[in-house]
Amino acid sequence: MMGFVGARQTTLANEVVLTGTGVHTGAPASIVLTPAEADTGIRFVLPSPCEEGIEVPADYRAVSNVTLCTVLSDGNGASVATVEHLLAAIRGLCVDNVLVEIDSGEVPIMDGSSKPFVDAIDEGGIVELDAPRRFIKILKPVRVDEGQCWGELTPYNGFRLEVEIEFDTAIIGRQRYALDVNPGAFRQELARARTFGFMSDVERLWAAGLALGASLENTIAIGEDRVINREGLRYADEFVRHKALDAIGDLALAGAPILGAFRSKRGGHRLNNLVLKALFADEEAWTMVEAPRAREVGHAEMGLGIAAANFAANST
């Protein structure tokens, strides 16, 4: 009988520190990724006059803003912005429990991708805990339409992304990307894809107090007819791959790994969050399933066992 892979929750083996700049504030920002006990989930610990700090869970209900990035808030004025690339790395590598201690209101942008966070997690190491891993299993399709944009979750034996984007510039045009996500695929196919922006939008964003820390070191800059960055693109379709990376980060706010397929067209942070809200608003659309131990996997459960294998912490 096949062994059950990825059946237990994980956390980091050691804490790791990353320092950089907030892409919107332009201010220095540092984070410490700290191991956490089973069932803690992903939680941000923000500065506070209190010694223990303010905790904000990585939860779709904590989303307070989706303009250009995903912002989480405790509802009392404390918030943390640009969480999606870090969350994508955490979920992409199947880390279930981690505390993210942050000294400012924005996660550092690093190079605009998830790669620096992946490297930090790999440096800290990942360990299994005794508690069984829980999954959110999609039972029926849930879809959100907004004009020409749509997103949906459907039943699937694993976790799959199918993302399509379309921009009115020949540099991007229409791009589509599909991937069955596991840690190895995430590292190889998505982690290095950087965020991007249009030079024509820069002055407007600056006037709005946004993108103050954006540079060619952390953003793909798109001019009228070319990519401005001297090194060019990391992938021929880096733009749609980054949108897929963003989707993984935003879907991490479900609170547990998803067993299902996510599809979107012309989507973004707002649409990704609306799909999660629609999912949890329909109690018949999902259920929480617990990964059985290897010795407990029978023929009736083998489908879940194969699906959960996509989340194996040590897969490469």
C-alpha atoms as a PDB file:
ATOM      1  CA  MET A   1       0.000   0.000   0.000  1.00  0.00           C
ATOM      2  CA  MET A   2       1.190   3.516  -0.810  1.00  0.00           C
ATOM      3  CA  GLY A   3       2.467   5.465   2.223  1.00  0.00           C
ATOM      4  CA  PHE A   4       0.592   8.639   3.075  1.00  0.00           C
ATOM      5  CA  VAL A   5       2.820  11.593   2.217  1.00  0.00           C
ATOM      6  CA  GLY A   6       2.478  14.978   3.869  1.00  0.00           C
ATOM      7  CA  ALA A   7       0.087  13.739   6.544  1.00  0.00           C
ATOM      8  CA  ARG A   8       1.446  15.846   9.392  1.00  0.00           C
ATOM      9  CA  GLN A   9       1.609  19.589   9.988  1.00  0.00           C
ATOM     10  CA  THR A  10       4.928  21.367   9.642  1.00  0.00           C
ATOM     11  CA  THR A  11       6.792  24.385  10.981  1.00  0.00           C
ATOM     12  CA  LEU A  12      10.279  25.837  10.674  1.00  0.00           C
ATOM     13  CA  ALA A  13      13.194  24.132  12.367  1.00  0.00           C
ATOM     14  CA  ASN A  14      14.883  27.468  13.169  1.00  0.00           C
ATOM     15  CA  GLU A  15      14.031  31.147  12.989  1.00  0.00           C
ATOM     16  CA  VAL A  16      15.325  33.212  10.071  1.00  0.00           C
ATOM     17  CA  VAL A  17      15.613  36.963   9.517  1.00  0.00           C
ATOM     18  CA  LEU A  18      15.052  38.971   6.322  1.00  0.00           C
ATOM     19  CA  THR A  19      15.643  42.686   5.868  1.00  0.00           C
ATOM     20  CA  GLY A  20      14.677  44.871   2.947  1.00  0.00           C
ATOM     21  CA  THR A  21      12.464  47.753   1.834  1.00  0.00           C
ATOM     22  CA  GLY A  22       8.706  48.201   1.671  1.00  0.00           C
ATOM     23  CA  VAL A  23       7.744  48.577  -1.991  1.00  0.00           C
ATOM     24  CA  HIS A  24       4.973  51.061  -1.225  1.00  0.00           C
ATOM     25  CA  THR A  25       6.331  52.921   1.812  1.00  0.00           C
ATOM     26  CA  GLY A  26       9.947  52.934   0.694  1.00  0.00           C
ATOM     27  CA  ALA A  27      10.867  52.429   4.363  1.00  0.00           C
ATOM     28  CA  PRO A  28      13.235  49.783   5.774  1.00  0.00           C
ATOM     29  CA  ALA A  29      11.447  46.606   6.879  1.00  0.00           C
ATOM     30  CA  SER A  30      12.587  43.458   8.658  1.00  0.00           C
ATOM     31  CA  ILE A  31      10.817  40.199   9.423  1.00  0.00           C
ATOM     32  CA  VAL A  32      11.682  37.222  11.601  1.00  0.00           C
ATOM     33  CA  LEU A  33      10.126  33.872  10.698  1.00  0.00           C
ATOM     34  CA  THR A  34       9.734  31.892  13.914  1.00  0.00           C
ATOM     35  CA  PRO A  35       8.716  28.242  14.496  1.00  0.00           C
ATOM     36  CA  ALA A  36       5.194  27.769  15.883  1.00  0.00           C
ATOM     37  CA  GLU A  37       3.227  24.969  17.489  1.00  0.00           C
ATOM     38  CA  ALA A  38       0.679  22.824  15.661  1.00  0.00           C
ATOM     39  CA  ASP A  39      -2.642  24.517  14.817  1.00  0.00           C
ATOM     40  CA  THR A  40      -1.119  27.991  15.177  1.00  0.00           C
ATOM     41  CA  GLY A  41      -1.400  28.637  11.461  1.00  0.00           C
ATOM     42  CA  ILE A  42       0.327  31.641   9.902  1.00  0.00           C
ATOM     43  CA  ARG A  43       0.234  34.732  12.123  1.00  0.00           C
ATOM     44  CA  PHE A  44       1.828  38.165  11.802  1.00  0.00           C
ATOM     45  CA  VAL A  45       3.141  39.748  15.000  1.00  0.00           C
ATOM     46  CA  LEU A  46       3.181  43.550  14.691  1.00  0.00           C
ATOM     47  CA  PRO A  47       4.942  46.125  16.890  1.00  0.00           C
ATOM     48  CA  SER A  48       2.923  47.162  19.937  1.00  0.00           C
ATOM     49  CA  PRO A  49       3.410  49.047  23.222  1.00  0.00           C
ATOM     50  CA  CYS A  50       2.502  45.723  24.792  1.00  0.00           C
ATOM     51  CA  GLU A  51       5.410  43.372  25.194  1.00  0.00           C
ATOM     52  CA  GLU A  52       3.740  40.503  23.336  1.00  0.00           C
ATOM     53  CA  GLY A  53       2.872  42.505  20.187  1.00  0.00           C
ATOM     54  CA  ILE A  54      -0.298  42.550  18.120  1.00  0.00           C
ATOM     55  CA  GLU A  55      -1.167  39.318  16.291  1.00  0.00           C
ATOM     56  CA  VAL A  56      -2.971  39.396  12.962  1.00  0.00           C
ATOM     57  CA  PRO A  57      -3.881  36.011  11.465  1.00  0.00           C
ATOM     58  CA  ALA A  58      -3.304  35.234   7.798  1.00  0.00           C
ATOM     59  CA  ASP A  59      -7.053  34.963   7.231  1.00  0.00           C
ATOM     60  CA  TYR A  60      -9.282  36.129   4.368  1.00  0.00           C
ATOM     61  CA  ARG A  61     -11.532  37.846   6.900  1.00  0.00           C
ATOM     62  CA  ALA A  62      -8.614  40.052   7.999  1.00  0.00           C
ATOM     63  CA  VAL A  63      -8.118  41.527   4.524  1.00  0.00           C
ATOM     64  CA  SER A  64      -8.685  45.282   4.698  1.00  0.00           C
ATOM     65  CA  ASN A  65      -7.288  46.454   1.365  1.00  0.00           C
ATOM     66  CA  VAL A  66      -6.506  44.888  -2.010  1.00  0.00           C
ATOM     67  CA  THR A  67      -5.211  47.933  -3.914  1.00  0.00           C
ATOM     68  CA  LEU A  68      -2.010  46.750  -5.652  1.00  0.00           C
ATOM     69  CA  CYS A  69      -1.222  44.414  -2.738  1.00  0.00           C
ATOM     70  CA  THR A  70      -2.966  42.444  -0.005  1.00  0.00           C
ATOM     71  CA  VAL A  71      -3.249  44.182   3.377  1.00  0.00           C
ATOM     72  CA  LEU A  72      -4.243  42.444   6.616  1.00  0.00           C
ATOM     73  CA  SER A  73      -5.632  44.307   9.639  1.00  0.00           C
ATOM     74  CA  ASP A  74      -6.669  43.534  13.196  1.00  0.00           C
ATOM     75  CA  GLY A  75      -9.656  45.874  12.871  1.00  0.00           C
ATOM     76  CA  ASN A  76      -8.213  48.312  15.400  1.00  0.00           C
ATOM     77  CA  GLY A  77      -5.766  50.212  13.249  1.00  0.00           C
ATOM     78  CA  ALA A  78      -2.862  47.751  13.144  1.00  0.00           C
ATOM     79  CA  SER A  79      -2.107  46.429   9.665  1.00  0.00           C
ATOM     80  CA  VAL A  80       0.546  44.747   7.541  1.00  0.00           C
ATOM     81  CA  ALA A  81       0.788  45.190   3.775  1.00  0.00           C
ATOM     82  CA  THR A  82       2.241  43.283   0.828  1.00  0.00           C
ATOM     83  CA  VAL A  83       1.906  39.890   2.474  1.00  0.00           C
ATOM     84  CA  GLU A  84       1.219  37.872  -0.687  1.00  0.00           C
ATOM     85  CA  HIS A  85       4.754  36.967  -1.813  1.00  0.00           C
ATOM     86  CA  LEU A  86       5.735  35.756   1.653  1.00  0.00           C
ATOM     87  CA  LEU A  87       2.477  33.817   2.038  1.00  0.00           C
ATOM     88  CA  ALA A  88       3.027  32.230  -1.372  1.00  0.00           C
ATOM     89  CA  ALA A  89       6.435  30.955  -0.232  1.00  0.00           C
ATOM     90  CA  ILE A  90       5.046  29.643   3.064  1.00  0.00           C
ATOM     91  CA  ARG A  91       2.135  27.857   1.415  1.00  0.00           C
ATOM     92  CA  GLY A  92       4.128  26.822  -1.633  1.00  0.00           C
ATOM     93  CA  LEU A  93       6.640  25.012   0.588  1.00  0.00           C
ATOM     94  CA  CYS A  94       3.908  23.536   2.781  1.00  0.00           C
ATOM     95  CA  VAL A  95       4.742  25.287   6.031  1.00  0.00           C
ATOM     96  CA  ASP A  96       1.569  25.130   8.130  1.00  0.00           C
ATOM     97  CA  ASN A  97       2.605  27.009  11.267  1.00  0.00           C
ATOM     98  CA  VAL A  98       4.832  30.072  11.512  1.00  0.00           C
ATOM     99  CA  LEU A  99       4.948  33.389  13.342  1.00  0.00           C
ATOM    100  CA  VAL A 100       6.042  36.341  11.210  1.00  0.00           C
ATOM    101  CA  GLU A 101       7.437  39.021  13.501  1.00  0.00           C
ATOM    102  CA  ILE A 102       7.624  42.342  11.638  1.00  0.00           C
ATOM    103  CA  ASP A 103       9.036  45.705  12.690  1.00  0.00           C
ATOM    104  CA  SER A 104       6.978  47.852  10.305  1.00  0.00           C
ATOM    105  CA  GLY A 105       3.664  47.942   8.449  1.00  0.00           C
ATOM    106  CA  GLU A 106       4.874  46.256   5.277  1.00  0.00           C
ATOM    107  CA  VAL A 107       6.622  43.000   4.405  1.00  0.00           C
ATOM    108  CA  PRO A 108       9.889  43.787   2.565  1.00  0.00           C
ATOM    109  CA  ILE A 109       9.564  43.419  -1.202  1.00  0.00           C
ATOM    110  CA  MET A 110      13.059  41.858  -1.551  1.00  0.00           C
ATOM    111  CA  ASP A 111      13.540  41.226  -5.319  1.00  0.00           C
ATOM    112  CA  GLY A 112       9.806  41.316  -6.101  1.00  0.00           C
ATOM    113  CA  SER A 113       9.392  37.532  -6.074  1.00  0.00           C
ATOM    114  CA  SER A 114       9.047  34.743  -3.503  1.00  0.00           C
ATOM    115  CA  LYS A 115      12.568  33.427  -4.063  1.00  0.00           C
ATOM    116  CA  PRO A 116      14.270  35.226  -1.118  1.00  0.00           C
ATOM    117  CA  PHE A 117      11.554  33.935   1.230  1.00  0.00           C
ATOM    118  CA  VAL A 118      11.936  30.409  -0.170  1.00  0.00           C
ATOM    119  CA  ASP A 119      15.697  30.600   0.392  1.00  0.00           C
ATOM    120  CA  ALA A 120      15.142  31.788   3.980  1.00  0.00           C
ATOM    121  CA  ILE A 121      12.679  28.972   4.725  1.00  0.00           C
ATOM    122  CA  ASP A 122      15.080  26.434   3.212  1.00  0.00           C
ATOM    123  CA  GLU A 123      17.857  27.886   5.364  1.00  0.00           C
ATOM    124  CA  GLY A 124      15.745  27.553   8.506  1.00  0.00           C
ATOM    125  CA  GLY A 125      14.603  24.066   7.566  1.00  0.00           C
ATOM    126  CA  ILE A 126      11.160  22.491   7.785  1.00  0.00           C
ATOM    127  CA  VAL A 127      10.166  19.943  10.430  1.00  0.00           C
ATOM    128  CA  GLU A 128       7.082  17.798  10.882  1.00  0.00           C
ATOM    129  CA  LEU A 129       4.899  18.062  13.963  1.00  0.00           C
ATOM    130  CA  ASP A 130       2.769  15.336  15.541  1.00  0.00           C
ATOM    131  CA  ALA A 131      -0.588  16.900  14.601  1.00  0.00           C
ATOM    132  CA  PRO A 132      -2.341  15.723  11.415  1.00  0.00           C
ATOM    133  CA  ARG A 133      -2.520  18.188   8.538  1.00  0.00           C
ATOM    134  CA  ARG A 134      -5.957  19.560   7.655  1.00  0.00           C
ATOM    135  CA  PHE A 135      -7.116  20.435   4.166  1.00  0.00           C
ATOM    136  CA  ILE A 136      -9.996  22.472   2.787  1.00  0.00           C
ATOM    137  CA  LYS A 137     -11.572  20.145   0.250  1.00  0.00           C
ATOM    138  CA  ILE A 138     -13.639  21.769  -2.494  1.00  0.00           C
ATOM    139  CA  LEU A 139     -16.915  19.864  -2.962  1.00  0.00           C
ATOM    140  CA  LYS A 140     -18.575  21.856  -5.737  1.00  0.00           C
ATOM    141  CA  PRO A 141     -17.731  24.781  -8.041  1.00  0.00           C
ATOM    142  CA  VAL A 142     -17.740  28.305  -6.598  1.00  0.00           C
ATOM    143  CA  ARG A 143     -17.389  31.182  -9.055  1.00  0.00           C
ATOM    144  CA  VAL A 144     -17.193  34.974  -8.909  1.00  0.00           C
ATOM    145  CA  ASP A 145     -17.703  37.144 -12.003  1.00  0.00           C
ATOM    146  CA  GLU A 146     -16.822  40.837 -12.249  1.00  0.00           C
ATOM    147  CA  GLY A 147     -17.211  42.182 -15.766  1.00  0.00           C
ATOM    148  CA  GLN A 148     -14.536  40.552 -17.902  1.00  0.00           C
ATOM    149  CA  CYS A 149     -12.840  39.097 -14.811  1.00  0.00           C
ATOM    150  CA  TRP A 150     -13.724  35.828 -13.135  1.00  0.00           C
ATOM    151  CA  GLY A 151     -12.322  33.351 -10.665  1.00  0.00           C
ATOM    152  CA  GLU A 152     -13.470  29.944  -9.473  1.00  0.00           C
ATOM    153  CA  LEU A 153     -12.633  26.997  -7.259  1.00  0.00           C
ATOM    154  CA  THR A 154     -13.639  23.508  -8.374  1.00  0.00           C
ATOM    155  CA  PRO A 155     -13.120  19.975  -7.015  1.00  0.00           C
ATOM    156  CA  TYR A 156      -9.741  18.492  -7.902  1.00  0.00           C
ATOM    157  CA  ASN A 157      -7.549  15.691  -6.596  1.00  0.00           C
ATOM    158  CA  GLY A 158      -4.665  17.936  -5.542  1.00  0.00           C
ATOM    159  CA  PHE A 159      -4.028  21.673  -5.852  1.00  0.00           C
ATOM    160  CA  ARG A 160      -4.008  23.107  -9.379  1.00  0.00           C
ATOM    161  CA  LEU A 161      -3.757  26.630 -10.744  1.00  0.00           C
ATOM    162  CA  GLU A 162      -4.973  27.807 -14.147  1.00  0.00           C
ATOM    163  CA  VAL A 163      -4.404  31.545 -14.528  1.00  0.00           C
ATOM    164  CA  GLU A 164      -4.994  33.724 -17.586  1.00  0.00           C
ATOM    165  CA  ILE A 165      -4.130  37.405 -17.924  1.00  0.00           C
ATOM    166  CA  GLU A 166      -4.682  39.919 -20.710  1.00  0.00           C
ATOM    167  CA  PHE A 167      -3.120  43.368 -20.995  1.00  0.00           C
ATOM    168  CA  ASP A 168      -3.452  45.896 -23.794  1.00  0.00           C
ATOM    169  CA  THR A 169       0.250  45.900 -24.578  1.00  0.00           C
ATOM    170  CA  ALA A 170       2.161  43.641 -26.943  1.00  0.00           C
ATOM    171  CA  ILE A 171       4.812  43.105 -24.256  1.00  0.00           C
ATOM    172  CA  ILE A 172       2.305  41.054 -22.235  1.00  0.00           C
ATOM    173  CA  GLY A 173      -0.818  40.486 -24.336  1.00  0.00           C
ATOM    174  CA  ARG A 174      -2.722  37.344 -23.374  1.00  0.00           C
ATOM    175  CA  GLN A 175      -0.859  34.749 -21.327  1.00  0.00           C
ATOM    176  CA  ARG A 176      -2.099  31.541 -19.720  1.00  0.00           C
ATOM    177  CA  TYR A 177      -0.344  29.315 -17.197  1.00  0.00           C
ATOM    178  CA  ALA A 178      -1.352  26.059 -15.519  1.00  0.00           C
ATOM    179  CA  LEU A 179       0.446  24.078 -12.828  1.00  0.00           C
ATOM    180  CA  ASP A 180      -0.200  21.272 -10.363  1.00  0.00           C
ATOM    181  CA  VAL A 181       1.375  22.851  -7.320  1.00  0.00           C
ATOM    182  CA  ASN A 182       3.815  21.068  -5.019  1.00  0.00           C
ATOM    183  CA  PRO A 183       6.972  22.402  -3.313  1.00  0.00           C
ATOM    184  CA  GLY A 184       9.291  21.276  -6.088  1.00  0.00           C
ATOM    185  CA  ALA A 185       7.132  22.810  -8.813  1.00  0.00           C
ATOM    186  CA  PHE A 186       6.717  26.008  -6.803  1.00  0.00           C
ATOM    187  CA  ARG A 187      10.472  26.397  -6.352  1.00  0.00           C
ATOM    188  CA  GLN A 188      11.221  25.708 -10.008  1.00  0.00           C
ATOM    189  CA  GLU A 189       8.309  27.284 -11.868  1.00  0.00           C
ATOM    190  CA  LEU A 190       6.902  30.156  -9.799  1.00  0.00           C
ATOM    191  CA  ALA A 191       9.119  31.335  -6.932  1.00  0.00           C
ATOM    192  CA  ARG A 192      11.384  33.532  -9.084  1.00  0.00           C
ATOM    193  CA  ALA A 193       8.583  35.352 -10.948  1.00  0.00           C
ATOM    194  CA  ARG A 194       8.687  39.071 -10.073  1.00  0.00           C
ATOM    195  CA  THR A 195       6.004  41.688  -9.683  1.00  0.00           C
ATOM    196  CA  PHE A 196       5.609  44.163 -12.530  1.00  0.00           C
ATOM    197  CA  GLY A 197       4.366  47.666 -13.220  1.00  0.00           C
ATOM    198  CA  PHE A 198       3.924  50.169 -16.030  1.00  0.00           C
ATOM    199  CA  MET A 199       6.154  53.229 -16.269  1.00  0.00           C
ATOM    200  CA  SER A 200       3.112  55.209 -17.390  1.00  0.00           C
ATOM    201  CA  ASP A 201       1.527  54.634 -13.943  1.00  0.00           C
ATOM    202  CA  VAL A 202       4.517  55.716 -11.838  1.00  0.00           C
ATOM    203  CA  GLU A 203       3.665  59.387 -11.304  1.00  0.00           C
ATOM    204  CA  ARG A 204       0.042  58.562 -10.451  1.00  0.00           C
ATOM    205  CA  LEU A 205       1.130  55.935  -7.913  1.00  0.00           C
ATOM    206  CA  TRP A 206       3.690  58.249  -6.324  1.00  0.00           C
ATOM    207  CA  ALA A 207       1.053  60.971  -6.000  1.00  0.00           C
ATOM    208  CA  ALA A 208      -1.140  58.457  -4.177  1.00  0.00           C
ATOM    209  CA  GLY A 209       1.713  57.577  -1.810  1.00  0.00           C
ATOM    210  CA  LEU A 210       2.235  54.159  -3.396  1.00  0.00           C
ATOM    211  CA  ALA A 211       5.220  52.393  -4.991  1.00  0.00           C
ATOM    212  CA  LEU A 212       7.641  54.713  -3.188  1.00  0.00           C
ATOM    213  CA  GLY A 213      10.110  51.831  -2.816  1.00  0.00           C
ATOM    214  CA  ALA A 214       9.690  50.377  -6.307  1.00  0.00           C
ATOM    215  CA  SER A 215      12.861  50.101  -8.384  1.00  0.00           C
ATOM    216  CA  LEU A 216      14.421  48.011 -11.116  1.00  0.00           C
ATOM    217  CA  GLU A 217      15.848  45.870  -8.292  1.00  0.00           C
ATOM    218  CA  ASN A 218      12.384  44.653  -7.242  1.00  0.00           C
ATOM    219  CA  THR A 219       9.953  45.299 -10.102  1.00  0.00           C
ATOM    220  CA  ILE A 220       9.721  44.503 -13.798  1.00  0.00           C
ATOM    221  CA  ALA A 221       9.255  47.957 -15.342  1.00  0.00           C
ATOM    222  CA  ILE A 222       7.243  47.996 -18.559  1.00  0.00           C
ATOM    223  CA  GLY A 223       7.806  50.889 -20.951  1.00  0.00           C
ATOM    224  CA  GLU A 224       5.874  51.744 -24.091  1.00  0.00           C
ATOM    225  CA  ASP A 225       7.467  49.034 -26.191  1.00  0.00           C
ATOM    226  CA  ARG A 226       9.909  47.114 -24.018  1.00  0.00           C
ATOM    227  CA  VAL A 227      10.906  45.813 -20.601  1.00  0.00           C
ATOM    228  CA  ILE A 228      13.144  48.449 -19.017  1.00  0.00           C
ATOM    229  CA  ASN A 229      15.133  46.080 -16.775  1.00  0.00           C
ATOM    230  CA  ARG A 230      18.540  45.461 -18.324  1.00  0.00           C
ATOM    231  CA  GLU A 231      18.527  41.754 -17.425  1.00  0.00           C
ATOM    232  CA  GLY A 232      15.169  41.168 -19.106  1.00  0.00           C
ATOM    233  CA  LEU A 233      12.714  38.496 -17.962  1.00  0.00           C
ATOM    234  CA  ARG A 234      13.414  35.418 -15.838  1.00  0.00           C
ATOM    235  CA  TYR A 235      10.732  33.438 -17.689  1.00  0.00           C
ATOM    236  CA  ALA A 236       9.286  34.219 -21.120  1.00  0.00           C
ATOM    237  CA  ASP A 237       5.849  34.337 -19.450  1.00  0.00           C
ATOM    238  CA  GLU A 238       7.018  35.827 -16.141  1.00  0.00           C
ATOM    239  CA  PHE A 239       3.975  38.122 -15.943  1.00  0.00           C
ATOM    240  CA  VAL A 240       1.351  35.372 -15.753  1.00  0.00           C
ATOM    241  CA  ARG A 241       3.587  33.257 -13.520  1.00  0.00           C
ATOM    242  CA  HIS A 242       3.720  36.107 -11.035  1.00  0.00           C
ATOM    243  CA  LYS A 243      -0.084  36.347 -11.093  1.00  0.00           C
ATOM    244  CA  ALA A 244      -0.165  32.615 -10.308  1.00  0.00           C
ATOM    245  CA  LEU A 245       2.286  33.211  -7.447  1.00  0.00           C
ATOM    246  CA  ASP A 246       0.051  36.006  -6.123  1.00  0.00           C
ATOM    247  CA  ALA A 247      -2.933  33.655  -6.270  1.00  0.00           C
ATOM    248  CA  ILE A 248      -1.141  31.085  -4.099  1.00  0.00           C
ATOM    249  CA  GLY A 249      -0.361  33.793  -1.555  1.00  0.00           C
ATOM    250  CA  ASP A 250      -3.917  35.120  -1.531  1.00  0.00           C
ATOM    251  CA  LEU A 251      -5.423  31.626  -1.305  1.00  0.00           C
ATOM    252  CA  ALA A 252      -3.181  30.907   1.693  1.00  0.00           C
ATOM    253  CA  LEU A 253      -5.618  33.171   3.537  1.00  0.00           C
ATOM    254  CA  ALA A 254      -8.093  30.267   3.455  1.00  0.00           C
ATOM    255  CA  GLY A 255      -6.255  29.109   6.576  1.00  0.00           C
ATOM    256  CA  ALA A 256      -5.319  25.621   5.356  1.00  0.00           C
ATOM    257  CA  PRO A 257      -4.071  23.963   2.155  1.00  0.00           C
ATOM    258  CA  ILE A 258      -6.780  23.690  -0.512  1.00  0.00           C
ATOM    259  CA  LEU A 259      -7.660  20.448  -2.273  1.00  0.00           C
ATOM    260  CA  GLY A 260      -9.132  21.851  -5.457  1.00  0.00           C
ATOM    261  CA  ALA A 261      -8.422  23.722  -8.672  1.00  0.00           C
ATOM    262  CA  PHE A 262      -8.332  27.509  -8.856  1.00  0.00           C
ATOM    263  CA  ARG A 263      -8.951  29.177 -12.198  1.00  0.00           C
ATOM    264  CA  SER A 264      -9.001  32.870 -12.946  1.00  0.00           C
ATOM    265  CA  LYS A 265      -9.114  35.235 -15.897  1.00  0.00           C
ATOM    266  CA  ARG A 266      -7.903  38.830 -15.608  1.00  0.00           C
ATOM    267  CA  GLY A 267      -7.855  38.382 -11.847  1.00  0.00           C
ATOM    268  CA  GLY A 268      -5.939  39.958  -8.994  1.00  0.00           C
ATOM    269  CA  HIS A 269      -5.882  40.330  -5.218  1.00  0.00           C
ATOM    270  CA  ARG A 270      -9.467  41.597  -5.009  1.00  0.00           C
ATOM    271  CA  LEU A 271     -10.905  38.757  -7.088  1.00  0.00           C
ATOM    272  CA  ASN A 272      -8.869  36.124  -5.245  1.00  0.00           C
ATOM    273  CA  ASN A 273     -10.277  37.366  -1.940  1.00  0.00           C
ATOM    274  CA  LEU A 274     -13.834  37.470  -3.291  1.00  0.00           C
ATOM    275  CA  VAL A 275     -13.539  33.822  -4.375  1.00  0.00           C
ATOM    276  CA  LEU A 276     -12.535  32.812  -0.837  1.00  0.00           C
ATOM    277  CA  LYS A 277     -15.430  34.799   0.623  1.00  0.00           C
ATOM    278  CA  ALA A 278     -17.840  33.102  -1.777  1.00  0.00           C
ATOM    279  CA  LEU A 279     -16.409  29.683  -0.901  1.00  0.00           C
ATOM    280  CA  PHE A 280     -16.835  30.037   2.846  1.00  0.00           C
ATOM    281  CA  ALA A 281     -20.263  31.631   2.440  1.00  0.00           C
ATOM    282  CA  ASP A 282     -21.508  28.334   0.970  1.00  0.00           C
ATOM    283  CA  GLU A 283     -21.272  25.574   3.559  1.00  0.00           C
ATOM    284  CA  GLU A 284     -22.047  22.949   0.921  1.00  0.00           C
ATOM    285  CA  ALA A 285     -19.088  23.959  -1.233  1.00  0.00           C
ATOM    286  CA  TRP A 286     -16.308  22.784   1.069  1.00  0.00           C
ATOM    287  CA  THR A 287     -15.398  20.573   3.990  1.00  0.00           C
ATOM    288  CA  MET A 288     -12.399  20.272   6.265  1.00  0.00           C
ATOM    289  CA  VAL A 289     -10.651  16.927   5.965  1.00  0.00           C
ATOM    290  CA  GLU A 290      -7.899  15.601   8.190  1.00  0.00           C
ATOM    291  CA  ALA A 291      -5.005  13.682   6.744  1.00  0.00           C
ATOM    292  CA  PRO A 292      -4.968  10.123   8.108  1.00  0.00           C
ATOM    293  CA  ARG A 293      -1.770   8.479   9.269  1.00  0.00           C
ATOM    294  CA  ALA A 294      -0.108   6.172   6.765  1.00  0.00           C
ATOM    295  CA  ARG A 295      -1.385   3.103   8.587  1.00  0.00           C
ATOM    296  CA  GLU A 296      -4.942   4.445   8.416  1.00  0.00           C
ATOM    297  CA  VAL A 297      -5.065   4.950   4.659  1.00  0.00           C
ATOM    298  CA  GLY A 298      -7.413   2.429   3.104  1.00  0.00           C
ATOM    299  CA  HIS A 299      -8.699   2.135  -0.453  1.00  0.00           C
ATOM    300  CA  ALA A 300     -11.554   4.517   0.212  1.00  0.00           C
ATOM    301  CA  GLU A 301      -9.122   7.205   1.358  1.00  0.00           C
ATOM    302  CA  MET A 302      -6.469   6.695  -1.289  1.00  0.00           C
ATOM    303  CA  GLY A 303      -7.742   9.586  -3.382  1.00  0.00           C
ATOM    304  CA  LEU A 304      -7.150  12.013  -0.543  1.00  0.00           C
ATOM    305  CA  GLY A 305      -3.794  10.428   0.119  1.00  0.00           C
ATOM    306  CA  ILE A 306      -2.669  11.053  -3.457  1.00  0.00           C
ATOM    307  CA  ALA A 307      -3.993  14.599  -3.310  1.00  0.00           C
ATOM    308  CA  ALA A 308      -2.274  15.387  -0.051  1.00  0.00           C
ATOM    309  CA  ALA A 309       0.982  14.116  -1.484  1.00  0.00           C
ATOM    310  CA  ASN A 310       1.075  17.368  -3.450  1.00  0.00           C
ATOM    311  CA  PHE A 311       1.700  19.144  -0.145  1.00  0.00           C
ATOM    312  CA  ALA A 312       4.583  16.990   1.023  1.00  0.00           C
ATOM    313  CA  ALA A 313       6.900  19.241   3.007  1.00  0.00           C
ATOM    314  CA  ASN A 314      10.023  17.458   1.853  1.00  0.00           C
ATOM    315  CA  SER A 315       9.120  17.155  -1.827  1.00  0.00           C
ATOM    316  CA  THR A 316      11.732  18.627  -4.145  1.00  0.00           C
END
